[in-house]
N, C-alpha and C. Protein backbone atom coordinates (compact mmCIF):
# COMPACT_ATOMS: atom_id res chain seq x y z
N MET A 1 148.74 257.99 73.84
CA MET A 1 149.19 256.91 74.29
C MET A 1 150.47 257.00 73.11
N PRO A 2 151.73 257.75 73.45
CA PRO A 2 153.05 257.85 72.29
C PRO A 2 152.82 256.01 72.01
N ASP A 3 153.16 256.25 70.54
CA ASP A 3 153.38 255.17 69.73
C ASP A 3 154.88 254.72 70.53
N ASP A 4 155.60 254.68 70.53
CA ASP A 4 156.31 254.46 71.27
C ASP A 4 156.79 253.36 72.54
N THR A 5 155.82 253.51 73.26
CA THR A 5 155.65 252.72 74.86
C THR A 5 155.51 251.26 74.48
N PRO A 6 156.67 250.99 74.80
CA PRO A 6 156.25 249.29 74.85
C PRO A 6 154.62 248.82 74.73
N LEU A 7 154.25 247.48 74.38
CA LEU A 7 152.65 247.02 74.52
C LEU A 7 152.95 245.32 74.72
N ARG A 8 152.95 244.63 75.88
CA ARG A 8 153.18 243.52 75.63
C ARG A 8 151.81 242.84 76.46
N TRP A 9 151.83 241.72 76.03
CA TRP A 9 150.54 240.75 76.12
C TRP A 9 150.91 239.25 77.19
N SER A 10 150.67 238.79 78.18
CA SER A 10 151.05 237.67 78.17
C SER A 10 150.41 237.17 79.90
N THR A 11 150.35 235.39 79.82
CA THR A 11 149.55 235.20 80.74
C THR A 11 149.83 235.82 82.33
N PRO A 12 148.97 236.15 83.21
CA PRO A 12 149.08 236.96 84.45
C PRO A 12 150.53 236.14 85.61
N PRO A 13 151.10 236.39 85.71
CA PRO A 13 152.37 236.41 86.98
C PRO A 13 151.22 235.78 87.74
N ALA A 14 150.72 236.12 88.02
CA ALA A 14 149.94 236.20 89.52
C ALA A 14 149.26 234.35 89.05
N ALA A 15 148.60 234.56 88.10
CA ALA A 15 147.75 233.05 87.28
C ALA A 15 148.50 231.95 87.21
N ILE A 16 149.65 231.81 86.47
CA ILE A 16 151.14 230.96 86.56
C ILE A 16 151.70 230.68 88.43
N ALA A 17 151.52 231.45 89.00
CA ALA A 17 152.25 231.36 90.46
C ALA A 17 150.93 230.28 90.98
N ALA A 18 149.54 230.93 90.50
CA ALA A 18 148.75 230.08 91.45
C ALA A 18 148.57 228.42 90.80
N LEU A 19 148.92 228.41 89.69
CA LEU A 19 148.65 226.93 88.86
C LEU A 19 150.23 226.01 89.28
N SER A 20 151.11 226.40 89.77
CA SER A 20 152.34 226.29 90.04
C SER A 20 152.17 225.48 91.18
N ALA A 21 151.20 226.49 92.30
CA ALA A 21 150.94 225.94 93.61
C ALA A 21 150.10 224.99 93.57
N ALA A 22 149.29 224.56 92.53
CA ALA A 22 147.87 223.54 92.75
C ALA A 22 148.89 222.58 92.20
N GLY A 23 149.58 222.55 91.29
CA GLY A 23 150.25 221.26 90.65
C GLY A 23 151.40 220.67 91.84
N ILE A 24 151.95 221.61 92.47
CA ILE A 24 152.88 221.07 93.58
C ILE A 24 151.90 220.38 94.87
N ALA A 25 150.81 221.39 95.39
CA ALA A 25 149.86 220.67 95.44
C ALA A 25 149.72 218.93 95.30
N LEU A 26 148.82 219.24 94.05
CA LEU A 26 149.09 217.74 93.30
C LEU A 26 149.65 216.64 93.49
N ALA A 27 151.22 217.01 93.34
CA ALA A 27 152.11 216.28 93.55
C ALA A 27 152.56 215.47 94.92
N VAL A 28 152.11 216.45 95.61
CA VAL A 28 152.39 216.29 96.92
C VAL A 28 151.34 215.22 97.82
N THR A 29 150.02 215.75 97.39
CA THR A 29 148.88 214.94 97.59
C THR A 29 149.03 213.24 96.89
N ALA A 30 149.77 213.31 95.71
CA ALA A 30 149.64 212.04 95.17
C ALA A 30 150.72 210.71 96.08
N VAL A 31 151.99 211.79 96.60
CA VAL A 31 152.87 210.86 97.23
C VAL A 31 152.42 210.49 98.59
N VAL A 32 151.73 211.47 99.49
CA VAL A 32 151.08 211.70 100.89
C VAL A 32 150.04 211.01 101.22
N ALA A 33 149.19 211.11 100.50
CA ALA A 33 147.77 211.00 101.22
C ALA A 33 147.14 210.41 99.88
N VAL A 34 147.32 209.74 99.19
CA VAL A 34 146.39 208.94 97.87
C VAL A 34 147.39 207.26 98.55
N PRO A 35 146.21 206.85 99.23
CA PRO A 35 146.59 205.12 99.57
C PRO A 35 146.55 204.19 98.62
N ASP A 36 146.17 204.38 97.14
CA ASP A 36 146.63 203.07 96.34
C ASP A 36 146.97 203.65 95.04
N ALA A 37 147.98 203.04 94.74
CA ALA A 37 148.32 202.60 93.47
C ALA A 37 147.70 203.63 92.55
N ALA A 38 146.85 203.17 92.09
CA ALA A 38 146.01 203.52 90.69
C ALA A 38 145.62 205.12 91.35
N GLY A 39 145.01 205.29 92.44
CA GLY A 39 144.71 206.80 92.49
C GLY A 39 146.38 207.85 92.35
N ARG A 40 147.50 207.33 93.26
CA ARG A 40 148.38 208.03 93.24
C ARG A 40 149.02 207.78 91.49
N VAL A 41 148.64 206.95 90.35
CA VAL A 41 149.08 207.15 89.31
C VAL A 41 148.29 208.47 88.49
N LEU A 42 147.08 208.36 88.80
CA LEU A 42 146.00 209.69 88.76
C LEU A 42 146.06 210.87 89.14
N VAL A 43 146.68 211.05 90.21
CA VAL A 43 146.74 212.13 90.56
C VAL A 43 148.36 212.74 90.54
N GLY A 44 149.25 211.84 90.68
CA GLY A 44 150.26 212.17 89.68
C GLY A 44 150.34 212.57 88.35
N PHE A 45 149.40 212.31 87.78
CA PHE A 45 149.04 213.02 86.30
C PHE A 45 148.89 213.78 85.67
N ALA A 46 147.38 213.95 86.76
CA ALA A 46 146.99 215.32 86.94
C ALA A 46 148.13 216.67 87.21
N ALA A 47 149.03 216.07 88.26
CA ALA A 47 150.02 216.76 88.87
C ALA A 47 150.19 217.26 87.31
N MET A 48 151.21 216.50 86.68
CA MET A 48 151.93 216.81 85.90
C MET A 48 151.77 217.66 84.53
N LEU A 49 150.57 217.58 84.33
CA LEU A 49 149.64 218.18 83.25
C LEU A 49 149.85 219.57 83.82
N VAL A 50 149.26 219.88 85.17
CA VAL A 50 149.67 221.11 85.53
C VAL A 50 150.25 221.73 85.57
N LEU A 51 151.61 221.21 85.93
CA LEU A 51 152.92 222.09 85.91
C LEU A 51 153.60 221.84 84.55
N VAL A 52 153.21 220.98 83.30
CA VAL A 52 153.24 221.38 82.44
C VAL A 52 153.14 222.13 81.48
N THR A 53 151.67 222.95 81.60
CA THR A 53 150.90 223.94 81.82
C THR A 53 151.20 224.90 82.04
N VAL A 54 151.91 225.36 82.97
CA VAL A 54 152.70 226.35 83.87
C VAL A 54 154.21 226.24 83.24
N ALA A 55 154.91 225.62 82.64
CA ALA A 55 156.18 225.38 81.96
C ALA A 55 155.66 226.02 80.99
N LEU A 56 154.68 225.75 80.03
CA LEU A 56 154.66 226.20 78.95
C LEU A 56 154.18 228.06 78.33
N ALA A 57 152.99 228.04 79.71
CA ALA A 57 153.02 229.22 80.30
C ALA A 57 154.01 230.05 80.27
N LEU A 58 155.04 229.89 81.36
CA LEU A 58 156.78 230.78 81.22
C LEU A 58 157.30 230.39 79.83
N ARG A 59 157.21 229.61 79.23
CA ARG A 59 158.02 229.67 77.98
C ARG A 59 157.68 230.60 76.54
N GLN A 60 156.29 230.88 77.09
CA GLN A 60 155.73 231.79 76.02
C GLN A 60 155.32 233.50 76.28
N ARG A 61 156.50 233.57 77.37
CA ARG A 61 156.29 234.77 77.62
C ARG A 61 157.08 236.27 76.79
N PRO A 62 156.96 237.31 76.85
CA PRO A 62 155.41 237.73 76.16
C PRO A 62 154.72 236.94 75.56
N ARG A 63 153.53 236.83 74.87
CA ARG A 63 153.11 236.68 74.27
C ARG A 63 152.49 236.87 73.18
N LEU A 64 152.21 238.14 73.41
CA LEU A 64 152.37 239.13 71.68
C LEU A 64 152.81 240.25 72.74
N GLU A 65 153.57 240.98 71.50
CA GLU A 65 153.93 242.63 71.20
C GLU A 65 154.09 243.17 70.73
N VAL A 66 154.24 244.41 70.59
CA VAL A 66 153.99 245.31 69.38
C VAL A 66 155.58 245.88 69.54
N LEU A 67 155.90 245.63 67.91
CA LEU A 67 157.35 245.94 67.75
C LEU A 67 157.56 247.46 67.96
N PRO A 68 158.81 247.90 68.44
CA PRO A 68 159.03 249.42 68.84
C PRO A 68 158.82 250.42 67.08
N GLY A 69 158.39 251.30 67.36
CA GLY A 69 157.76 252.17 66.56
C GLY A 69 156.36 251.81 65.91
N GLY A 70 155.96 250.69 65.89
CA GLY A 70 154.50 249.85 65.60
C GLY A 70 154.80 249.36 64.08
N ALA A 71 155.70 248.98 63.99
CA ALA A 71 156.55 248.60 62.87
C ALA A 71 155.64 247.38 62.64
N GLY A 72 155.46 246.72 62.90
CA GLY A 72 154.60 245.42 63.32
C GLY A 72 154.24 244.52 64.89
N ILE A 73 154.03 243.31 64.84
CA ILE A 73 153.81 242.61 66.10
C ILE A 73 154.84 241.59 66.39
N ALA A 74 155.53 240.65 67.28
CA ALA A 74 156.38 240.11 67.65
C ALA A 74 155.00 238.71 68.97
N THR A 75 155.53 237.39 67.85
CA THR A 75 154.65 236.58 68.87
C THR A 75 155.51 235.31 69.88
N MET A 76 155.73 235.27 70.80
CA MET A 76 155.99 233.82 71.23
C MET A 76 155.40 232.98 71.46
N ARG A 77 156.22 231.55 70.69
CA ARG A 77 155.65 230.74 70.63
C ARG A 77 156.82 229.42 71.12
N LEU A 78 156.23 227.97 71.13
CA LEU A 78 157.13 227.08 71.64
C LEU A 78 158.81 226.99 70.76
N THR A 79 158.29 227.30 69.78
CA THR A 79 159.56 227.08 69.01
C THR A 79 160.58 228.50 68.90
N GLY A 80 160.01 229.49 69.49
CA GLY A 80 160.70 230.74 69.85
C GLY A 80 159.56 231.93 69.17
N ARG A 81 160.41 233.13 69.15
CA ARG A 81 159.84 234.51 69.08
C ARG A 81 159.76 234.28 67.51
N ARG A 82 158.48 235.36 67.16
CA ARG A 82 158.29 235.36 65.62
C ARG A 82 157.98 236.34 65.51
N GLU A 83 158.66 237.33 64.46
CA GLU A 83 158.56 238.61 64.10
C GLU A 83 157.43 238.81 63.05
N PHE A 84 156.21 239.91 62.46
CA PHE A 84 155.25 239.97 61.68
C PHE A 84 155.21 241.43 61.53
N PRO A 85 155.61 241.60 60.56
CA PRO A 85 156.23 243.00 60.18
C PRO A 85 154.56 243.76 59.53
N ARG A 86 154.31 245.51 59.93
CA ARG A 86 152.64 245.47 59.55
C ARG A 86 152.41 244.74 58.13
N ALA A 87 153.24 244.82 57.12
CA ALA A 87 153.06 244.13 55.71
C ALA A 87 152.46 242.89 55.84
N ALA A 88 152.72 241.73 56.70
CA ALA A 88 152.49 240.93 57.06
C ALA A 88 151.02 240.67 57.32
N LEU A 89 150.81 241.36 58.12
CA LEU A 89 149.06 241.66 58.84
C LEU A 89 148.50 241.54 57.85
N HIS A 90 147.27 240.53 57.46
CA HIS A 90 146.32 240.55 56.46
C HIS A 90 145.04 240.77 57.30
N ARG A 91 144.76 240.33 58.27
CA ARG A 91 143.58 240.36 59.22
C ARG A 91 143.68 240.35 60.98
N VAL A 92 143.14 241.25 61.68
CA VAL A 92 143.47 241.40 63.06
C VAL A 92 141.63 241.58 63.33
N ARG A 93 141.32 240.63 64.00
CA ARG A 93 139.88 241.12 64.05
C ARG A 93 139.64 240.42 65.87
N ILE A 94 138.56 240.63 66.15
CA ILE A 94 137.60 239.74 67.50
C ILE A 94 136.64 238.65 66.99
N VAL A 95 136.77 237.72 67.26
CA VAL A 95 135.68 236.89 67.17
C VAL A 95 135.15 236.28 68.05
N GLU A 96 134.03 236.00 68.65
CA GLU A 96 133.58 235.60 69.38
C GLU A 96 133.11 233.62 69.57
N TYR A 97 133.26 232.96 70.32
CA TYR A 97 133.52 231.81 70.13
C TYR A 97 132.46 231.01 70.76
N PRO A 98 131.28 230.48 71.25
CA PRO A 98 130.44 229.70 71.97
C PRO A 98 131.46 229.11 72.65
N ARG A 99 131.38 229.31 74.55
CA ARG A 99 132.21 228.36 75.06
C ARG A 99 131.12 228.20 76.21
N PHE A 100 130.83 227.18 77.06
CA PHE A 100 130.06 226.86 78.14
C PHE A 100 129.19 227.73 78.32
N GLY A 101 128.08 227.67 76.90
CA GLY A 101 127.07 228.71 77.32
C GLY A 101 126.59 230.02 76.99
N ARG A 102 128.13 230.68 76.74
CA ARG A 102 128.14 232.16 76.63
C ARG A 102 129.57 232.06 75.41
N ARG A 103 129.10 233.51 74.88
CA ARG A 103 130.38 233.96 73.72
C ARG A 103 131.25 234.77 74.35
N VAL A 104 132.52 233.91 74.16
CA VAL A 104 133.87 234.22 74.41
C VAL A 104 134.48 235.07 73.30
N PRO A 105 134.94 236.28 73.60
CA PRO A 105 135.93 236.93 72.79
C PRO A 105 137.47 236.74 72.45
N MET A 106 137.68 236.79 71.48
CA MET A 106 139.38 235.84 71.32
C MET A 106 140.04 236.60 70.09
N LEU A 107 141.41 237.01 70.13
CA LEU A 107 141.33 237.86 68.78
C LEU A 107 142.34 237.09 68.11
N GLU A 108 142.21 237.05 66.51
CA GLU A 108 142.45 236.17 65.75
C GLU A 108 143.62 237.18 64.64
N ILE A 109 144.16 236.71 64.74
CA ILE A 109 145.26 237.37 63.94
C ILE A 109 145.85 236.76 62.24
N ASP A 110 145.62 236.82 61.32
CA ASP A 110 145.76 236.08 59.97
C ASP A 110 146.82 236.64 59.82
N THR A 111 148.68 236.25 59.26
CA THR A 111 149.33 236.96 58.75
C THR A 111 149.02 236.26 56.99
N VAL A 112 150.51 236.94 56.32
CA VAL A 112 150.36 236.32 54.87
C VAL A 112 151.79 237.10 55.03
N ASP A 113 153.26 236.08 54.65
CA ASP A 113 154.21 236.53 54.09
C ASP A 113 154.28 237.01 52.90
N PRO A 114 154.62 238.15 52.77
CA PRO A 114 154.98 239.43 51.42
C PRO A 114 155.99 237.86 50.50
N ALA A 115 156.79 237.68 50.73
CA ALA A 115 157.80 236.42 49.85
C ALA A 115 157.14 235.61 49.86
N THR A 116 156.67 234.93 50.65
CA THR A 116 156.22 233.44 50.19
C THR A 116 154.98 233.15 49.83
N GLY A 117 154.24 233.88 50.46
CA GLY A 117 152.74 233.72 50.34
C GLY A 117 152.25 232.67 51.76
N THR A 118 153.45 232.21 52.40
CA THR A 118 152.67 231.36 53.50
C THR A 118 151.75 232.14 54.81
N GLU A 119 151.08 231.42 54.67
CA GLU A 119 149.40 232.10 55.34
C GLU A 119 149.75 231.04 56.71
N SER A 120 148.93 232.52 57.99
CA SER A 120 149.18 231.55 59.53
C SER A 120 148.40 232.37 60.42
N LEU A 121 147.59 231.69 60.84
CA LEU A 121 146.30 231.92 61.58
C LEU A 121 146.84 231.63 63.40
N MET A 122 146.68 232.75 63.99
CA MET A 122 146.94 232.83 65.43
C MET A 122 145.64 233.41 66.35
N ILE A 123 145.03 232.65 67.71
CA ILE A 123 144.26 232.75 68.07
C ILE A 123 144.27 233.39 69.25
N PHE A 124 144.39 234.57 69.93
CA PHE A 124 144.64 234.37 71.79
C PHE A 124 143.20 234.67 72.26
N GLY A 125 143.26 234.03 73.29
CA GLY A 125 142.53 234.49 74.44
C GLY A 125 142.56 235.12 75.67
N ARG A 126 142.49 235.44 76.59
CA ARG A 126 142.57 235.82 77.52
C ARG A 126 143.44 235.14 78.54
N TRP A 127 143.51 234.14 78.59
CA TRP A 127 144.71 233.37 79.29
C TRP A 127 145.96 233.31 78.69
N ASP A 128 146.03 233.97 77.18
CA ASP A 128 147.17 234.06 76.85
C ASP A 128 147.53 235.53 76.61
N LEU A 129 146.45 236.45 77.05
CA LEU A 129 146.95 238.02 76.68
C LEU A 129 146.77 238.62 77.90
N GLY A 130 146.09 237.94 79.06
CA GLY A 130 146.56 238.37 80.27
C GLY A 130 145.28 239.84 80.48
N THR A 131 144.41 239.86 79.53
CA THR A 131 143.50 240.78 79.75
C THR A 131 142.39 241.06 78.33
N ASP A 132 141.47 241.85 78.39
CA ASP A 132 140.32 241.24 77.59
C ASP A 132 140.75 241.05 75.91
N PRO A 133 140.55 240.57 74.89
CA PRO A 133 141.25 240.59 73.90
C PRO A 133 140.64 241.84 73.13
N ARG A 134 138.95 241.95 73.52
CA ARG A 134 138.81 243.24 72.92
C ARG A 134 140.07 244.35 73.24
N THR A 135 140.43 244.83 74.51
CA THR A 135 141.25 245.90 74.89
C THR A 135 142.50 245.73 74.47
N VAL A 136 142.82 244.43 73.66
CA VAL A 136 144.18 244.53 72.90
C VAL A 136 144.50 244.72 71.33
N HIS A 137 143.17 244.55 71.04
CA HIS A 137 142.62 244.77 69.54
C HIS A 137 142.40 246.44 69.57
N ALA A 138 141.86 246.64 70.16
CA ALA A 138 142.29 248.13 70.53
C ALA A 138 143.43 249.20 70.24
N ALA A 139 144.14 248.52 71.06
CA ALA A 139 145.57 249.02 71.29
C ALA A 139 146.31 249.00 69.57
N LEU A 140 146.00 247.54 69.41
CA LEU A 140 146.37 247.51 67.83
C LEU A 140 146.17 248.35 66.89
N ALA A 141 145.23 248.25 67.03
CA ALA A 141 144.32 249.47 65.74
C ALA A 141 144.34 250.87 66.57
N VAL A 142 144.71 251.62 67.16
CA VAL A 142 145.73 252.51 67.43
C VAL A 142 146.87 252.72 66.89
N ARG A 143 147.36 251.96 66.97
CA ARG A 143 149.05 251.70 66.16
C ARG A 143 148.88 251.69 64.93
N ASP A 144 147.14 250.97 64.09
CA ASP A 144 147.08 250.91 62.71
C ASP A 144 148.13 249.38 62.53
N LEU A 145 147.52 248.05 63.09
CA LEU A 145 147.94 247.29 63.49
C LEU A 145 146.67 246.62 63.43
N ALA A 146 146.06 246.42 62.88
CA ALA A 146 144.42 246.02 63.12
C ALA A 146 143.64 245.72 61.64
N PRO A 147 144.70 245.47 60.23
CA PRO A 147 143.49 245.74 59.84
C PRO A 147 142.38 244.26 59.64
N ASP A 148 141.48 245.04 58.88
CA ASP A 148 140.31 244.22 58.74
C ASP A 148 139.82 244.06 57.43
N GLN A 149 140.19 243.27 56.70
CA GLN A 149 139.99 243.14 55.77
C GLN A 149 139.26 241.67 55.40
N THR A 150 138.29 241.81 54.38
CA THR A 150 136.97 240.00 53.83
C THR A 150 137.53 239.68 53.47
N PRO A 151 137.47 238.09 53.58
CA PRO A 151 138.21 236.96 52.62
C PRO A 151 137.68 237.51 50.92
N ASN A 152 138.21 237.25 49.92
CA ASN A 152 138.17 237.14 48.88
C ASN A 152 137.26 236.33 48.32
């Protein structure tokens, strides 16, 4: 795979569309089908939470991408896009966390700003990346963007 191939990962559009449909269905159900006020409030609140999740997923697209020429990575957060040059990547690794009785892989990216020494930790799961985090780690490793350093 050439180094200049743009690589971006984000929540799949089909998942966002399905979540949008579920949120709208909940909102319609709250207005039309729920007879009591307390039920309308609860179902309406659930609809609002689902639609807020949709808005957050749309705002943070693409969630992770490789900068042109493999110069580093960029992430999209609620506050906007943030770029991390190769020198800022301290550790990129796969960590498996227990969830619902099984081990789930997550991509952990530790960064250290060379100028200020500010550290940050980003954790990405399948929902964030739209694919298995191990696949993303492998793609980053091929571009030499996945240093694995043990803590001091």
